[in-house]
Amino acid sequence: MKGLVLCLAKLGDFIQATPLIRDLSLKTNELYLVAAQNSVAEAARLSGLVTEVFTIDPRNPEPNLTLPSIGSGPLCNLSMAPAALSVLEKIRAQNLKAKVYGPRLHHGALSLPIAQEVALAVLRVNRRYSPFNLVDVWRSLTPKPSPEAKLYWPLTPKGVKGQERPQERPKVGFILGAGNARRRWPRENYTALGQKLMEIHNAQVVLLGDQKERALGKAVSLTFGSETDFVNLVGQTNLAELAATLSELDLLIGPDTGGLHLGAAINVPIIGLYFGPALAHETGPYGPNHLVAQTLAPCGPCPESRPCPERVCLAIPTVDEVYAAVKRLWVKDNADFDNEALGIVNPDNRASDKQAADKEGPSNEDPGSNLYTTSLDAFGYKLSPMNPINDPDLLKTEFLREVARATVDPDYTPLRPERDLDPGDKDFWRALTERIWPPSAPRKLKERFIEVLGQLRLLP
């Protein structure tokens, strides 16, 4: 059997789709991929998951679609963008017997799989309640998906790092850039964090980014001291070289980018920086035991395309919060990793705890208030606060995840989150249901959604 995946998106989207693509590769003899970006095509070839990759320009109204026939095999689309839907229709016209999965047009209207329909229904109301990570939405596109919930990359590092005390001189990668300016952590924050890691932990900082961030890499480099303390690889690695570099890191820090998701696929411990348009519930680093510093402005998360004259979305994780996440990852549950080890790694020149604290500098806020840890269960990605917080939005998200999960999988019995907080009165859930499911929504999904709310005692 042959199959085809249409991935007219970015590198990060391909990496997050690797559980689905790997599942399809195991169920087919030949699997083809159509990409719109060279980075995605390169990643697909390096992954070893596909037989052949085709690159097209979706802006061309009549793209060259001379593709192998897949007969009655799977045809999977990963995008709701109009260009992707248009290309999908052209491919379907050449493969009339193919089994189509993912977003598609049906009699001129957008048709979505159940998981995507439920996720989108919640997003119509408030993205803060987002119940599914993108990886899990895509994992559920095909019937009987693989139960293995993990990103895939063929490069296997020497064990999973971050589960024990870092090496004598830990290597920490900084991803400096992002596809959208609102996702970029300020240069001065990277400088302050890098200097703190060098001074307190004797760390070597590795600067990462693509060609467009070369000037940024140079500017950050000039703020550091000895060249033995850092390596500037911004704009100097292809994808294979980047993957090899990531596999040697003890820690990777950066915003929601393809490089961050590649690091998660290689099992590098990650601290994700999420703010502005980025929401960790949707696209956080996939896998267990990563940390996320998530901040949300009152109006956030915001669409990337919407103008923001006030720029309030620049409410961002602080250096103190990110450094607190570093210590939490490195200390973990290792009893012999004491305060002295947090000071200076070099055994011949160890500072006292007081000296180490002085170097850290004062903190004006709770450094753990915006920190979350990641985990996986049978359904996929979970995000939990490191410190107990009375966040009604977070609790609603926990309930909605259970409701959405049981709506998608009728065999699943939903569980009430074990938290002593008010999940909202019945009027809230009744109004939310009507807003999520307009009259045009699939009737069976709405009925199942209401049924699950009743099981959780959220509706009478």
Protein backbone atom coordinates (compact mmCIF):
# COMPACT_ATOMS: atom_id res chain seq x y z
CA MET A 1 0.00 0.00 0.00
CA LYS A 2 1.14 3.55 -0.79
CA GLY A 3 0.38 6.76 1.05
CA LEU A 4 0.97 10.51 0.84
CA VAL A 5 1.29 13.31 3.42
CA LEU A 6 0.67 16.94 2.49
CA CYS A 7 2.73 19.18 4.80
CA LEU A 8 2.66 22.73 3.44
CA ALA A 9 3.82 24.18 6.75
CA LYS A 10 6.98 24.93 8.74
CA LEU A 11 9.74 22.73 10.14
CA GLY A 12 8.17 22.67 13.61
CA ASP A 13 4.89 21.40 12.17
CA PHE A 14 6.69 18.51 10.46
CA ILE A 15 8.52 17.55 13.66
CA GLN A 16 5.26 17.68 15.63
CA ALA A 17 3.62 15.48 12.99
CA THR A 18 6.31 12.76 13.15
CA PRO A 19 4.24 10.44 15.41
CA LEU A 20 1.51 10.45 12.75
CA ILE A 21 3.96 10.20 9.84
CA ARG A 22 5.89 7.36 11.48
CA ASP A 23 2.61 5.51 12.08
CA LEU A 24 1.72 5.92 8.40
CA SER A 25 5.19 4.78 7.33
CA LEU A 26 4.76 1.55 9.29
CA LYS A 27 1.36 0.91 7.66
CA THR A 28 2.47 1.57 4.06
CA ASN A 29 5.10 0.15 1.71
CA GLU A 30 5.77 3.56 0.18
CA LEU A 31 5.02 6.94 1.77
CA TYR A 32 5.45 10.23 -0.09
CA LEU A 33 5.52 13.74 1.31
CA VAL A 34 4.67 17.03 -0.40
CA ALA A 35 6.30 20.08 1.20
CA ALA A 36 6.34 23.81 0.55
CA GLN A 37 9.53 24.68 2.45
CA ASN A 38 13.04 23.40 1.87
CA SER A 39 13.58 22.91 5.61
CA VAL A 40 10.59 20.55 5.76
CA ALA A 41 11.78 18.65 2.69
CA GLU A 42 15.26 18.31 4.22
CA ALA A 43 13.82 17.12 7.53
CA ALA A 44 11.61 14.57 5.78
CA ARG A 45 14.58 13.12 3.90
CA LEU A 46 16.75 12.99 7.04
CA SER A 47 13.97 11.39 9.06
CA GLY A 48 13.95 8.26 6.94
CA LEU A 49 10.17 8.10 7.32
CA VAL A 50 9.26 8.75 3.68
CA THR A 51 10.14 7.14 0.38
CA GLU A 52 10.35 10.38 -1.61
CA VAL A 53 9.80 14.10 -1.05
CA PHE A 54 8.25 16.53 -3.50
CA THR A 55 8.55 20.32 -3.11
CA ILE A 56 5.96 22.67 -4.61
CA ASP A 57 5.12 26.35 -4.46
CA PRO A 58 1.55 26.53 -3.12
CA ARG A 59 1.26 30.13 -4.35
CA ASN A 60 1.25 28.79 -7.89
CA PRO A 61 -2.42 28.30 -8.79
CA GLU A 62 -1.48 25.34 -10.99
CA PRO A 63 1.43 23.66 -9.21
CA ASN A 64 3.17 20.75 -10.87
CA LEU A 65 1.53 17.78 -9.20
CA THR A 66 3.09 14.89 -11.08
CA LEU A 67 3.01 12.52 -8.13
CA PRO A 68 2.96 8.73 -7.84
CA SER A 69 -0.52 7.24 -7.63
CA ILE A 70 -1.41 5.98 -4.16
CA GLY A 71 -4.54 4.06 -5.18
CA SER A 72 -6.74 3.45 -2.14
CA GLY A 73 -3.99 4.30 0.35
CA PRO A 74 -4.04 7.11 2.94
CA LEU A 75 -3.88 10.75 1.84
CA CYS A 76 -3.22 12.90 4.91
CA ASN A 77 -3.36 16.70 5.00
CA LEU A 78 -1.87 18.68 7.91
CA SER A 79 -3.15 22.18 7.21
CA MET A 80 -6.40 24.14 7.10
CA ALA A 81 -4.79 26.90 5.03
CA PRO A 82 -6.66 27.65 1.78
CA ALA A 83 -3.54 26.92 -0.29
CA ALA A 84 -3.16 23.47 1.29
CA LEU A 85 -6.86 22.68 0.81
CA SER A 86 -6.58 23.69 -2.85
CA VAL A 87 -3.53 21.48 -3.42
CA LEU A 88 -5.28 18.63 -1.60
CA GLU A 89 -8.23 18.84 -3.99
CA LYS A 90 -5.86 18.56 -6.98
CA ILE A 91 -4.17 15.51 -5.47
CA ARG A 92 -7.56 13.93 -4.66
CA ALA A 93 -8.61 14.40 -8.27
CA GLN A 94 -5.68 12.18 -9.28
CA ASN A 95 -6.36 9.62 -6.51
CA LEU A 96 -10.13 9.20 -6.39
CA LYS A 97 -9.96 6.01 -4.30
CA ALA A 98 -7.59 7.43 -1.67
CA LYS A 99 -8.72 7.55 1.96
CA VAL A 100 -8.47 11.22 2.94
CA TYR A 101 -7.55 12.21 6.51
CA GLY A 102 -7.22 15.66 7.99
CA PRO A 103 -8.87 18.93 6.96
CA ARG A 104 -10.57 18.88 3.56
CA LEU A 105 -13.33 20.50 1.58
CA HIS A 106 -16.66 18.68 1.39
CA HIS A 107 -19.22 20.26 -0.95
CA GLY A 108 -17.29 23.52 -0.62
CA ALA A 109 -17.30 23.54 3.20
CA LEU A 110 -14.41 22.75 5.53
CA SER A 111 -14.65 19.24 6.96
CA LEU A 112 -12.52 18.27 9.98
CA PRO A 113 -11.75 15.03 11.83
CA ILE A 114 -13.42 14.68 15.25
CA ALA A 115 -10.39 15.66 17.36
CA GLN A 116 -9.72 18.70 15.22
CA GLU A 117 -13.41 19.66 15.24
CA VAL A 118 -13.52 19.53 19.05
CA ALA A 119 -10.23 21.41 19.44
CA LEU A 120 -11.34 24.11 17.01
CA ALA A 121 -14.70 24.41 18.74
CA VAL A 122 -12.99 25.30 22.02
CA LEU A 123 -10.59 27.68 20.29
CA ARG A 124 -13.52 29.61 18.84
CA VAL A 125 -14.32 30.77 22.36
CA ASN A 126 -10.97 31.21 24.11
CA ARG A 127 -7.53 29.85 23.23
CA ARG A 128 -6.62 29.85 26.92
CA TYR A 129 -8.88 26.81 27.28
CA SER A 130 -7.09 24.91 24.50
CA PRO A 131 -7.44 21.23 25.46
CA PHE A 132 -5.12 19.50 22.95
CA ASN A 133 -1.50 19.79 21.94
CA LEU A 134 -1.09 19.96 18.16
CA VAL A 135 0.85 16.67 18.20
CA ASP A 136 -2.15 14.88 19.70
CA VAL A 137 -4.60 16.44 17.24
CA TRP A 138 -2.51 15.11 14.37
CA ARG A 139 -1.91 11.75 16.04
CA SER A 140 -5.66 11.18 16.07
CA LEU A 141 -6.29 12.02 12.40
CA THR A 142 -6.22 8.39 11.26
CA PRO A 143 -8.20 5.45 12.67
CA LYS A 144 -6.42 3.33 15.28
CA PRO A 145 -3.36 5.59 15.71
CA SER A 146 -0.24 4.16 17.30
CA PRO A 147 -0.40 4.38 21.11
CA GLU A 148 3.24 5.52 21.18
CA ALA A 149 3.11 9.22 22.04
CA LYS A 150 6.56 10.52 21.18
CA LEU A 151 8.25 12.64 18.55
CA TYR A 152 10.55 10.81 16.17
CA TRP A 153 14.03 11.58 14.91
CA PRO A 154 16.56 8.96 13.76
CA LEU A 155 19.53 10.51 15.55
CA THR A 156 19.90 8.81 18.93
CA PRO A 157 22.02 10.65 21.52
CA LYS A 158 24.01 8.91 24.23
CA GLY A 159 21.08 8.36 26.56
CA VAL A 160 18.54 10.90 27.70
CA LYS A 161 20.31 13.85 29.28
CA GLY A 162 19.07 15.97 32.12
CA GLN A 163 18.08 12.99 34.28
CA GLU A 164 21.24 13.25 36.35
CA ARG A 165 23.84 15.78 37.43
CA PRO A 166 25.16 17.77 34.43
CA GLN A 167 28.63 17.10 33.14
CA GLU A 168 31.56 19.08 34.59
CA ARG A 169 30.99 21.81 32.04
CA PRO A 170 27.36 21.67 30.93
CA LYS A 171 26.47 22.82 27.43
CA VAL A 172 23.38 25.02 27.15
CA GLY A 173 21.87 25.91 23.79
CA PHE A 174 20.11 29.23 23.21
CA ILE A 175 17.72 29.48 20.23
CA LEU A 176 17.89 33.22 19.54
CA GLY A 177 15.35 33.71 16.79
CA ALA A 178 11.74 32.89 15.98
CA GLY A 179 9.59 33.10 12.88
CA ASN A 180 7.56 35.94 14.35
CA ALA A 181 9.00 38.93 16.22
CA ARG A 182 6.43 38.55 19.02
CA ARG A 183 7.87 35.12 19.87
CA ARG A 184 11.47 36.32 20.34
CA TRP A 185 12.91 36.59 23.82
CA PRO A 186 14.86 39.89 24.12
CA ARG A 187 18.57 39.85 23.36
CA GLU A 188 19.43 41.37 26.73
CA ASN A 189 17.64 38.50 28.50
CA TYR A 190 19.78 35.92 26.70
CA THR A 191 22.85 37.96 27.66
CA ALA A 192 21.90 38.11 31.36
CA LEU A 193 20.96 34.43 31.52
CA GLY A 194 24.10 33.35 29.66
CA GLN A 195 26.37 35.30 31.96
CA LYS A 196 24.64 33.82 35.01
CA LEU A 197 25.02 30.27 33.71
CA MET A 198 28.69 30.84 32.85
CA GLU A 199 29.53 32.38 36.24
CA ILE A 200 27.54 30.13 38.54
CA HIS A 201 27.60 26.82 36.67
CA ASN A 202 30.73 27.12 34.52
CA ALA A 203 28.42 26.45 31.55
CA GLN A 204 29.33 26.79 27.91
CA VAL A 205 26.61 28.55 25.92
CA VAL A 206 25.92 27.49 22.33
CA LEU A 207 24.11 30.13 20.24
CA LEU A 208 21.76 28.72 17.61
CA GLY A 209 19.71 30.23 14.81
CA ASP A 210 19.41 30.49 11.04
CA GLN A 211 20.97 32.83 8.50
CA LYS A 212 18.49 35.63 9.28
CA GLU A 213 19.74 35.79 12.89
CA ARG A 214 23.46 36.13 12.15
CA ALA A 215 23.55 39.77 13.30
CA LEU A 216 21.68 38.82 16.48
CA GLY A 217 24.16 36.02 17.19
CA LYS A 218 27.08 38.39 16.76
CA ALA A 219 25.50 41.01 19.03
CA VAL A 220 24.93 38.46 21.83
CA SER A 221 28.46 37.08 21.37
CA LEU A 222 29.97 40.52 21.94
CA THR A 223 28.38 40.69 25.39
CA PHE A 224 30.07 37.50 26.58
CA GLY A 225 33.65 37.26 27.82
CA SER A 226 36.13 34.61 26.79
CA GLU A 227 35.39 32.74 23.57
CA THR A 228 35.87 29.51 25.52
CA ASP A 229 32.61 30.32 27.33
CA PHE A 230 30.42 30.24 24.23
CA VAL A 231 30.12 28.95 20.68
CA ASN A 232 28.33 31.01 18.06
CA LEU A 233 26.74 28.66 15.50
CA VAL A 234 24.03 31.05 14.35
CA GLY A 235 23.56 30.60 10.60
CA GLN A 236 26.37 28.05 10.41
CA THR A 237 24.56 24.69 10.56
CA ASN A 238 22.37 22.77 8.18
CA LEU A 239 19.58 20.65 9.63
CA ALA A 240 21.70 17.52 10.07
CA GLU A 241 24.44 19.53 11.79
CA LEU A 242 21.88 21.26 14.00
CA ALA A 243 20.48 17.88 15.09
CA ALA A 244 23.99 16.63 15.90
CA THR A 245 24.71 19.80 17.89
CA LEU A 246 21.44 19.51 19.83
CA SER A 247 22.23 15.90 20.78
CA GLU A 248 25.36 17.09 22.61
CA LEU A 249 23.53 19.65 24.75
CA ASP A 250 22.62 19.26 28.41
CA LEU A 251 19.86 21.84 28.06
CA LEU A 252 18.07 23.76 25.30
CA ILE A 253 16.35 27.10 25.93
CA GLY A 254 14.27 28.98 23.38
CA PRO A 255 10.86 30.01 22.04
CA ASP A 256 8.32 27.99 20.07
CA THR A 257 10.43 27.15 16.98
CA GLY A 258 11.32 24.24 14.75
CA GLY A 259 14.68 23.95 16.51
CA LEU A 260 12.97 23.62 19.89
CA HIS A 261 10.72 20.81 18.63
CA LEU A 262 13.70 19.11 17.00
CA GLY A 263 15.43 19.20 20.38
CA ALA A 264 12.37 17.58 21.98
CA ALA A 265 12.46 14.83 19.33
CA ILE A 266 16.12 14.15 20.21
CA ASN A 267 15.28 14.00 23.95
CA VAL A 268 17.23 17.11 24.92
CA PRO A 269 15.90 18.63 28.19
CA ILE A 270 14.08 21.82 27.25
CA ILE A 271 12.97 25.07 28.81
CA GLY A 272 10.40 26.56 26.45
CA LEU A 273 9.79 30.32 26.41
CA TYR A 274 6.13 30.92 25.59
CA PHE A 275 4.51 34.35 25.40
CA GLY A 276 2.73 36.62 22.92
CA PRO A 277 1.08 34.34 20.31
CA ALA A 278 2.65 31.15 21.73
CA LEU A 279 0.57 28.90 23.99
CA ALA A 280 2.26 25.86 25.50
CA HIS A 281 -1.01 23.91 25.76
CA GLU A 282 -1.11 23.96 21.95
CA THR A 283 2.52 23.66 20.87
CA GLY A 284 4.62 23.13 24.00
CA PRO A 285 7.74 20.91 23.85
CA TYR A 286 6.32 17.40 23.47
CA GLY A 287 7.58 14.81 25.91
CA PRO A 288 7.92 14.30 29.67
CA ASN A 289 9.90 16.41 32.14
CA HIS A 290 10.43 19.52 30.02
CA LEU A 291 9.72 22.89 31.62
CA VAL A 292 7.83 25.83 30.17
CA ALA A 293 7.93 29.47 31.21
CA GLN A 294 4.53 30.71 30.02
CA THR A 295 3.31 34.28 30.40
CA LEU A 296 0.02 35.64 29.11
CA ALA A 297 -1.04 39.24 28.80
CA PRO A 298 -4.72 39.96 29.55
CA CYS A 299 -5.39 39.89 25.80
CA GLY A 300 -3.14 36.93 25.05
CA PRO A 301 -2.45 34.66 23.37
CA CYS A 302 -2.78 36.86 20.30
CA PRO A 303 -2.98 35.97 16.60
CA GLU A 304 0.35 36.63 14.92
CA SER A 305 -1.30 38.43 12.01
CA ARG A 306 -3.25 40.92 14.14
CA PRO A 307 -1.64 44.36 14.65
CA CYS A 308 -0.79 45.13 18.27
CA PRO A 309 -0.16 48.88 18.70
CA GLU A 310 0.07 48.63 22.50
CA ARG A 311 2.54 45.72 22.41
CA VAL A 312 1.20 44.44 25.73
CA CYS A 313 1.81 40.93 24.42
CA LEU A 314 5.46 41.54 25.28
CA ALA A 315 4.68 40.42 28.82
CA ILE A 316 7.46 37.84 28.79
CA PRO A 317 9.17 35.31 31.09
CA THR A 318 11.80 36.99 33.25
CA VAL A 319 15.43 35.96 33.52
CA ASP A 320 14.77 34.95 37.14
CA GLU A 321 11.92 32.65 36.10
CA VAL A 322 14.00 30.95 33.40
CA TYR A 323 16.98 30.56 35.72
CA ALA A 324 14.69 29.04 38.36
CA ALA A 325 13.61 26.52 35.69
CA VAL A 326 17.27 25.69 34.98
CA LYS A 327 17.87 24.87 38.63
CA ARG A 328 14.71 22.79 38.88
CA LEU A 329 15.76 20.70 35.87
CA TRP A 330 19.30 20.17 37.07
CA VAL A 331 18.53 19.53 40.72
CA LYS A 332 15.53 17.32 40.00
CA ASP A 333 15.28 14.49 42.56
CA ASN A 334 19.01 13.89 42.82
CA ALA A 335 19.72 14.02 46.56
CA ASP A 336 23.49 14.45 46.20
CA PHE A 337 23.12 17.48 43.91
CA ASP A 338 23.40 19.93 46.81
CA ASN A 339 23.53 23.71 47.07
CA GLU A 340 27.30 23.68 46.72
CA ALA A 341 26.97 21.96 43.37
CA LEU A 342 24.58 24.70 42.32
CA GLY A 343 27.29 27.26 43.06
CA ILE A 344 30.40 26.39 41.08
CA VAL A 345 31.07 23.14 39.30
CA ASN A 346 34.88 23.44 39.29
CA PRO A 347 36.02 21.46 42.38
CA ASP A 348 39.29 23.41 42.63
CA ASN A 349 37.63 26.78 42.94
CA ARG A 350 34.25 26.39 44.63
CA ALA A 351 32.44 29.46 45.92
CA SER A 352 30.37 29.47 49.05
CA ASP A 353 26.60 29.31 48.89
CA LYS A 354 26.49 32.99 49.80
CA GLN A 355 28.80 33.93 46.93
CA ALA A 356 26.67 31.92 44.54
CA ALA A 357 23.51 33.62 45.82
CA ASP A 358 25.16 37.02 45.42
CA LYS A 359 25.91 36.22 41.80
CA GLU A 360 22.33 35.22 41.19
CA GLY A 361 21.19 38.67 42.26
CA PRO A 362 17.90 39.65 43.88
CA SER A 363 14.55 38.48 42.65
CA ASN A 364 11.55 40.77 42.87
CA GLU A 365 8.94 38.12 42.19
CA ASP A 366 8.12 34.49 42.70
CA PRO A 367 10.40 32.81 40.16
CA GLY A 368 8.13 29.78 39.91
CA SER A 369 4.83 31.56 39.33
CA ASN A 370 4.82 31.02 35.58
CA LEU A 371 6.64 27.68 35.39
CA TYR A 372 4.96 24.51 34.15
CA THR A 373 6.14 20.96 33.72
CA THR A 374 5.22 18.63 30.86
CA SER A 375 4.10 15.03 31.03
CA LEU A 376 2.37 12.44 28.85
CA ASP A 377 -0.56 10.17 29.58
CA ALA A 378 -2.49 7.71 27.44
CA PHE A 379 -4.11 10.60 25.61
CA GLY A 380 -0.96 12.65 25.13
CA TYR A 381 0.41 15.98 26.31
CA LYS A 382 -0.27 17.50 29.75
CA LEU A 383 0.92 20.80 31.21
CA SER A 384 0.93 21.25 34.99
CA PRO A 385 1.95 24.24 37.16
CA MET A 386 5.14 23.78 39.17
CA ASN A 387 3.64 25.77 42.04
CA PRO A 388 0.00 25.51 43.14
CA ILE A 389 -1.82 28.48 41.65
CA ASN A 390 -5.45 29.55 41.86
CA ASP A 391 -5.90 30.02 38.13
CA PRO A 392 -9.54 29.47 37.10
CA ASP A 393 -8.58 29.41 33.42
CA LEU A 394 -6.10 26.60 34.05
CA LEU A 395 -8.72 24.60 35.93
CA LYS A 396 -11.24 25.10 33.12
CA THR A 397 -8.60 23.82 30.72
CA GLU A 398 -8.12 20.70 32.85
CA PHE A 399 -11.87 20.03 32.80
CA LEU A 400 -12.15 20.77 29.09
CA ARG A 401 -9.32 18.36 28.33
CA GLU A 402 -11.28 15.60 30.04
CA VAL A 403 -14.50 16.63 28.27
CA ALA A 404 -12.79 16.87 24.88
CA ARG A 405 -10.98 13.57 25.37
CA ALA A 406 -14.22 11.74 26.22
CA THR A 407 -16.01 13.44 23.32
CA VAL A 408 -13.39 12.19 20.87
CA ASP A 409 -13.17 8.73 22.46
CA PRO A 410 -16.58 7.42 23.61
CA ASP A 411 -14.85 4.50 25.38
CA TYR A 412 -12.99 6.86 27.71
CA THR A 413 -14.40 7.59 31.17
CA PRO A 414 -13.69 11.23 32.11
CA LEU A 415 -12.17 12.05 35.49
CA ARG A 416 -12.72 15.12 37.63
CA PRO A 417 -9.39 16.91 38.21
CA GLU A 418 -8.30 16.48 41.83
CA ARG A 419 -8.17 20.17 42.69
CA ASP A 420 -10.22 21.99 45.29
CA LEU A 421 -11.21 24.89 43.08
CA ASP A 422 -14.49 26.04 41.59
CA PRO A 423 -14.53 24.99 37.90
CA GLY A 424 -17.22 27.54 37.13
CA ASP A 425 -20.95 27.49 37.79
CA LYS A 426 -23.40 25.65 35.58
CA ASP A 427 -24.38 28.87 33.81
CA PHE A 428 -20.77 29.23 32.66
CA TRP A 429 -20.65 25.70 31.21
CA ARG A 430 -24.09 26.03 29.64
CA ALA A 431 -23.14 29.32 27.95
CA LEU A 432 -19.77 27.89 26.91
CA THR A 433 -21.46 24.91 25.29
CA GLU A 434 -23.76 27.11 23.24
CA ARG A 435 -20.85 29.29 22.11
CA ILE A 436 -18.63 26.31 21.28
CA TRP A 437 -21.31 24.46 19.32
CA PRO A 438 -23.32 26.80 17.10
CA PRO A 439 -26.43 25.43 15.32
CA SER A 440 -24.32 24.48 12.30
CA ALA A 441 -22.03 22.24 14.37
CA PRO A 442 -22.26 18.43 14.13
CA ARG A 443 -25.24 17.42 16.27
CA LYS A 444 -23.73 14.16 17.58
CA LEU A 445 -20.59 15.91 18.80
CA LYS A 446 -22.59 18.53 20.66
CA GLU A 447 -24.79 15.87 22.26
CA ARG A 448 -21.75 13.86 23.34
CA PHE A 449 -20.07 17.00 24.68
CA ILE A 450 -23.14 17.82 26.82
CA GLU A 451 -23.35 14.20 28.00
CA VAL A 452 -19.75 14.32 29.26
CA LEU A 453 -20.35 17.64 31.03
CA GLY A 454 -23.16 15.89 32.88
CA GLN A 455 -20.88 12.99 33.84
CA LEU A 456 -18.47 15.51 35.39
CA ARG A 457 -21.36 17.21 37.24
CA LEU A 458 -20.78 20.45 35.37
CA LEU A 459 -24.33 20.42 33.96
CA PRO A 460 -27.52 18.96 35.50
